N, C-alpha and C. Protein backbone atom coordinates (compact mmCIF):
# COMPACT_ATOMS: atom_id res chain seq x y z
N MET A 1 -16.15 9.65 -4.63
CA MET A 1 -15.23 9.53 -5.59
C MET A 1 -14.45 8.54 -5.57
N PRO A 2 -14.16 6.99 -6.33
CA PRO A 2 -13.08 6.30 -5.68
C PRO A 2 -12.03 6.65 -5.69
N ALA A 3 -10.99 6.61 -4.60
CA ALA A 3 -9.35 6.94 -4.54
C ALA A 3 -8.65 5.76 -4.67
N TYR A 4 -7.41 5.95 -5.22
CA TYR A 4 -6.54 4.54 -4.88
C TYR A 4 -5.25 4.74 -3.58
N TRP A 5 -4.90 3.96 -3.15
CA TRP A 5 -3.97 3.36 -2.77
C TRP A 5 -3.11 2.86 -3.50
N ILE A 6 -1.74 3.46 -3.69
CA ILE A 6 -0.45 3.00 -4.63
C ILE A 6 0.50 2.83 -3.80
N ALA A 7 0.99 2.11 -3.74
CA ALA A 7 2.50 1.79 -3.43
C ALA A 7 3.59 0.85 -3.73
N ARG A 8 5.03 1.22 -4.06
CA ARG A 8 5.70 0.25 -4.32
C ARG A 8 6.89 0.24 -2.99
N SER A 9 6.98 -1.30 -3.25
CA SER A 9 8.33 -1.54 -2.24
C SER A 9 9.53 -1.94 -2.58
N LYS A 10 10.80 -2.39 -1.58
CA LYS A 10 11.57 -2.93 -1.97
C LYS A 10 11.96 -4.06 -0.19
N ILE A 11 11.46 -5.35 -0.41
CA ILE A 11 11.78 -6.01 1.03
C ILE A 11 12.72 -5.97 1.39
N ASN A 12 13.77 -5.78 2.49
CA ASN A 12 14.51 -6.29 2.89
C ASN A 12 15.26 -7.30 3.60
N ASP A 13 13.77 -7.37 4.07
CA ASP A 13 13.96 -8.93 5.53
C ASP A 13 12.76 -9.01 5.20
N PRO A 14 12.46 -10.28 4.76
CA PRO A 14 10.68 -10.98 4.46
C PRO A 14 10.24 -11.68 5.66
N VAL A 15 10.88 -11.75 6.68
CA VAL A 15 10.44 -12.60 7.87
C VAL A 15 9.85 -11.22 8.84
N ALA A 16 10.10 -10.01 8.72
CA ALA A 16 10.18 -8.46 9.67
C ALA A 16 8.85 -8.42 8.83
N TYR A 17 8.79 -7.84 7.44
CA TYR A 17 8.14 -8.07 6.44
C TYR A 17 6.89 -8.40 6.40
N LYS A 18 6.82 -9.98 6.60
CA LYS A 18 5.56 -10.43 6.72
C LYS A 18 4.45 -10.34 8.30
N LYS A 19 5.45 -9.56 9.28
CA LYS A 19 4.64 -9.64 10.39
C LYS A 19 3.80 -8.16 10.15
N TYR A 20 4.17 -7.40 9.11
CA TYR A 20 3.45 -5.87 8.60
C TYR A 20 2.43 -6.61 7.50
N THR A 21 2.60 -7.62 6.81
CA THR A 21 2.14 -7.39 5.63
C THR A 21 0.27 -9.03 6.11
N ASP A 22 1.24 -9.38 7.29
CA ASP A 22 0.27 -10.46 7.98
C ASP A 22 -1.25 -9.66 8.56
N GLN A 23 -0.85 -8.49 8.61
CA GLN A 23 -2.21 -7.90 9.85
C GLN A 23 -3.00 -7.09 8.72
N VAL A 24 -1.79 -6.01 7.24
CA VAL A 24 -2.80 -5.00 6.96
C VAL A 24 -4.24 -5.74 6.10
N PRO A 25 -4.05 -7.02 5.68
CA PRO A 25 -5.90 -7.08 4.70
C PRO A 25 -6.66 -7.01 6.03
N ALA A 26 -6.95 -6.70 7.58
CA ALA A 26 -7.83 -6.92 8.36
C ALA A 26 -8.47 -5.19 8.47
N ILE A 27 -7.04 -4.71 8.77
CA ILE A 27 -6.64 -3.08 8.83
C ILE A 27 -7.84 -2.22 7.16
N ILE A 28 -7.18 -2.76 6.05
CA ILE A 28 -7.67 -2.15 4.99
C ILE A 28 -9.44 -2.78 5.12
N LYS A 29 -9.26 -3.67 5.18
CA LYS A 29 -11.26 -4.19 4.77
C LYS A 29 -11.62 -3.67 6.11
N LYS A 30 -11.60 -3.34 7.36
CA LYS A 30 -11.99 -2.10 8.19
C LYS A 30 -12.40 -0.71 7.60
N TYR A 31 -11.55 -0.61 6.74
CA TYR A 31 -12.28 1.06 6.45
C TYR A 31 -12.42 1.07 4.86
N GLY A 32 -13.13 -0.14 4.31
CA GLY A 32 -13.86 -0.71 2.97
C GLY A 32 -12.46 -0.32 2.53
N GLY A 33 -11.40 -0.60 2.07
CA GLY A 33 -10.72 -0.96 1.11
C GLY A 33 -10.81 -1.92 0.06
N LYS A 34 -10.64 -2.07 -0.77
CA LYS A 34 -10.60 -3.60 -1.43
C LYS A 34 -9.22 -3.59 -2.47
N VAL A 35 -8.69 -4.29 -2.33
CA VAL A 35 -6.82 -5.12 -3.19
C VAL A 35 -7.03 -5.36 -4.27
N LEU A 36 -6.45 -4.29 -5.50
CA LEU A 36 -6.69 -4.47 -6.50
C LEU A 36 -5.54 -5.45 -7.04
N ALA A 37 -4.71 -5.08 -6.52
CA ALA A 37 -3.23 -6.15 -6.95
C ALA A 37 -2.36 -5.54 -5.93
N ARG A 38 -1.52 -6.84 -5.73
CA ARG A 38 -0.49 -7.22 -4.53
C ARG A 38 0.42 -8.55 -4.98
N GLY A 39 1.62 -7.87 -5.16
CA GLY A 39 2.61 -8.51 -5.55
C GLY A 39 2.85 -9.35 -6.78
N GLY A 40 1.92 -9.26 -7.42
CA GLY A 40 1.92 -9.92 -9.04
C GLY A 40 2.96 -9.77 -9.65
N ASN A 41 2.82 -10.50 -10.73
CA ASN A 41 3.50 -10.13 -12.25
C ASN A 41 4.03 -8.81 -12.36
N PHE A 42 4.62 -8.27 -12.89
CA PHE A 42 4.79 -6.92 -13.61
C PHE A 42 5.94 -6.54 -14.06
N GLN A 43 5.92 -5.39 -14.22
CA GLN A 43 7.28 -5.23 -15.63
C GLN A 43 7.03 -3.65 -15.47
N ILE A 44 8.46 -2.74 -15.42
CA ILE A 44 8.65 -1.73 -14.96
C ILE A 44 8.80 -0.79 -16.50
N MET A 45 8.34 -0.23 -17.11
CA MET A 45 7.78 0.51 -18.59
C MET A 45 8.89 1.73 -17.97
N GLU A 46 9.13 2.58 -17.12
CA GLU A 46 9.72 3.80 -16.96
C GLU A 46 10.23 3.50 -15.54
N GLY A 47 11.44 4.47 -15.41
CA GLY A 47 11.40 4.54 -14.08
C GLY A 47 12.69 4.12 -13.41
N PRO A 48 12.74 4.30 -12.07
CA PRO A 48 13.81 2.88 -11.18
C PRO A 48 13.62 1.91 -10.92
N LYS A 49 14.51 1.04 -10.77
CA LYS A 49 14.24 -0.26 -10.81
C LYS A 49 14.46 -0.85 -9.42
N LYS A 50 14.10 -0.51 -8.35
CA LYS A 50 14.82 -0.39 -7.47
C LYS A 50 13.15 -1.21 -6.32
N PHE A 51 12.49 -1.18 -6.69
CA PHE A 51 11.37 -1.32 -6.49
C PHE A 51 10.67 -2.73 -7.02
N HIS A 52 10.10 -4.09 -5.97
CA HIS A 52 9.84 -4.86 -6.57
C HIS A 52 8.82 -5.73 -6.62
N ARG A 53 7.69 -4.86 -5.61
CA ARG A 53 6.14 -5.25 -5.06
C ARG A 53 5.35 -4.19 -5.26
N PHE A 54 4.37 -4.70 -6.21
CA PHE A 54 3.63 -2.94 -6.25
C PHE A 54 2.06 -3.48 -5.82
N ILE A 55 1.46 -2.76 -5.43
CA ILE A 55 0.16 -2.70 -4.51
C ILE A 55 -0.73 -1.57 -5.03
N VAL A 56 -1.99 -1.83 -5.29
CA VAL A 56 -3.23 -0.99 -5.46
C VAL A 56 -4.54 -1.36 -4.94
N ILE A 57 -4.96 -0.78 -4.22
CA ILE A 57 -6.33 -0.75 -2.74
C ILE A 57 -7.08 0.42 -3.38
N GLU A 58 -8.62 0.25 -3.66
CA GLU A 58 -9.82 1.19 -3.71
C GLU A 58 -9.89 1.14 -2.80
N PHE A 59 -10.79 2.60 -2.33
CA PHE A 59 -11.20 2.89 -1.21
C PHE A 59 -12.58 3.98 -1.98
N ALA A 60 -13.67 3.96 -1.25
CA ALA A 60 -14.94 4.52 -1.76
C ALA A 60 -14.15 5.94 -2.00
N THR A 61 -13.63 6.43 -1.05
CA THR A 61 -13.35 7.66 -0.96
C THR A 61 -11.79 8.09 -1.00
N MET A 62 -11.28 9.00 -0.83
CA MET A 62 -9.94 9.39 -0.73
C MET A 62 -9.75 9.82 1.31
N ALA A 63 -10.77 10.14 1.34
CA ALA A 63 -10.79 10.14 3.30
C ALA A 63 -10.77 8.52 3.86
N ASP A 64 -11.49 7.83 3.08
CA ASP A 64 -11.57 6.72 4.01
C ASP A 64 -9.85 6.44 3.79
N GLY A 65 -9.23 6.18 2.61
CA GLY A 65 -8.19 5.88 2.43
C GLY A 65 -6.98 7.15 2.99
N VAL A 66 -6.94 7.95 3.34
CA VAL A 66 -6.47 8.15 4.52
C VAL A 66 -6.20 8.18 5.65
N ASN A 67 -7.69 7.71 6.40
CA ASN A 67 -8.08 7.52 7.23
C ASN A 67 -7.11 6.23 7.32
N CYS A 68 -7.28 5.31 6.46
CA CYS A 68 -6.48 4.11 6.82
C CYS A 68 -5.50 4.25 7.40
N PHE A 69 -4.57 4.48 6.05
CA PHE A 69 -3.09 5.21 6.54
C PHE A 69 -2.67 5.55 7.51
N GLN A 70 -3.42 6.33 8.14
CA GLN A 70 -3.11 7.56 8.84
C GLN A 70 -3.41 6.89 10.71
N SER A 71 -4.57 5.70 10.78
CA SER A 71 -5.26 5.05 11.61
C SER A 71 -3.76 4.06 12.52
N ALA A 72 -4.22 4.35 13.90
CA ALA A 72 -3.25 4.12 14.83
C ALA A 72 -3.09 1.96 14.50
N GLU A 73 -4.24 1.20 13.69
CA GLU A 73 -4.19 0.02 13.70
C GLU A 73 -2.75 -0.13 12.64
N TYR A 74 -3.16 1.07 11.65
CA TYR A 74 -1.98 1.14 9.99
C TYR A 74 -0.35 0.93 10.81
N ASP A 75 -0.39 2.29 11.64
CA ASP A 75 0.62 2.55 12.39
C ASP A 75 1.51 1.36 13.07
N ALA A 76 0.69 0.59 13.63
CA ALA A 76 1.53 -0.45 14.73
C ALA A 76 1.75 -0.95 13.43
N ALA A 77 0.97 -1.74 12.47
CA ALA A 77 1.09 -2.74 11.91
C ALA A 77 2.34 -2.48 11.21
N ALA A 78 2.89 -1.03 10.73
CA ALA A 78 3.36 -0.70 9.66
C ALA A 78 5.16 -0.40 10.61
N VAL A 79 4.98 -0.97 12.11
CA VAL A 79 6.45 -0.30 12.73
C VAL A 79 7.09 -1.68 12.16
N HIS A 80 6.45 -2.79 11.55
CA HIS A 80 7.32 -4.14 11.51
C HIS A 80 8.51 -3.58 9.74
N ARG A 81 7.40 -3.06 9.44
CA ARG A 81 8.23 -2.70 8.11
C ARG A 81 9.32 -1.32 8.40
N ARG A 82 8.63 -0.57 9.04
CA ARG A 82 9.85 0.44 9.17
C ARG A 82 11.02 0.35 10.00
N GLU A 83 10.96 -0.25 11.27
CA GLU A 83 12.34 -0.49 11.73
C GLU A 83 13.14 -1.25 11.36
N ASN A 84 14.24 -0.89 11.45
CA ASN A 84 15.16 -1.47 11.01
C ASN A 84 15.69 -1.38 9.22
N GLY A 85 14.87 -0.88 8.85
CA GLY A 85 14.89 -0.98 6.99
C GLY A 85 13.90 -2.08 6.72
N ALA A 86 13.13 -3.13 7.35
CA ALA A 86 12.79 -4.11 6.75
C ALA A 86 12.45 -4.06 5.41
N GLY A 87 11.72 -2.65 5.04
CA GLY A 87 11.44 -2.47 3.91
C GLY A 87 11.10 -1.26 3.63
N GLU A 88 11.18 -0.62 2.36
CA GLU A 88 11.42 0.77 1.68
C GLU A 88 10.30 0.66 1.21
N VAL A 89 9.36 1.66 1.02
CA VAL A 89 7.90 1.76 0.65
C VAL A 89 7.81 3.43 -0.13
N GLU A 90 6.96 3.14 -1.05
CA GLU A 90 6.48 5.03 -1.51
C GLU A 90 4.96 3.99 -1.61
N THR A 91 4.15 5.29 -1.16
CA THR A 91 2.81 5.55 -0.86
C THR A 91 2.08 6.50 -1.27
N ILE A 92 1.13 6.71 -2.49
CA ILE A 92 0.79 8.08 -2.65
C ILE A 92 -1.21 7.70 -2.46
N MET A 93 -2.13 8.67 -2.64
CA MET A 93 -3.34 8.50 -2.50
C MET A 93 -3.70 8.93 -3.55
N VAL A 94 -4.58 8.69 -4.50
CA VAL A 94 -5.31 9.25 -5.57
C VAL A 94 -6.08 9.41 -5.73
N GLU A 95 -7.22 10.36 -6.56
CA GLU A 95 -8.54 10.19 -6.49
C GLU A 95 -8.59 9.84 -8.41
N SER A 96 -9.71 9.00 -8.52
CA SER A 96 -9.91 8.56 -9.93
C SER A 96 -10.30 9.84 -10.76
N GLY A 97 -10.45 10.93 -10.32
CA GLY A 97 -10.55 12.32 -11.28
C GLY A 97 -11.47 11.95 -12.78
N ASP A 98 -10.65 12.38 -13.38
CA ASP A 98 -11.36 12.74 -14.77
C ASP A 98 -10.72 11.77 -15.65
N ALA A 99 -11.33 10.46 -15.92
CA ALA A 99 -10.43 9.61 -16.89
C ALA A 99 -10.80 9.42 -18.61
N THR A 100 -11.72 10.73 -18.79
CA THR A 100 -11.62 11.17 -19.95
C THR A 100 -10.24 11.53 -21.04
N VAL A 101 -9.34 11.91 -20.33
CA VAL A 101 -8.06 12.42 -20.50
C VAL A 101 -7.28 11.14 -22.15
C-alpha cells in the first residue's frame, strides 16, 4: 500500500538549508520515493501560518518511507538543517489507507 512522507518546513538559513536540499533527491530516489509536491504555490486553509514550504513524497510502502527517513544518508543530510536552527520541520509518514471515506 502506498505511503506518503508529508513535511512542512520553515527555512531560517537558506544557505545551510540548501546543503540539505541538494542531497535529499538522490536519497529519496534510492529508497524508491517519488516527489509529488515540493515548495510550490500553497494556501494555508487552517492551522498555524509558521510554515512556508510543503513537501509530499510517495513511497511504495510505509517501510520504504520510514527506512529512507531513518537512513544514515538522510540523517547526514538533515544535519545541515537541524544544526543551528537552519530549518524547522515537521514530518509524518502516512499510508494511503481507505480513501472511500
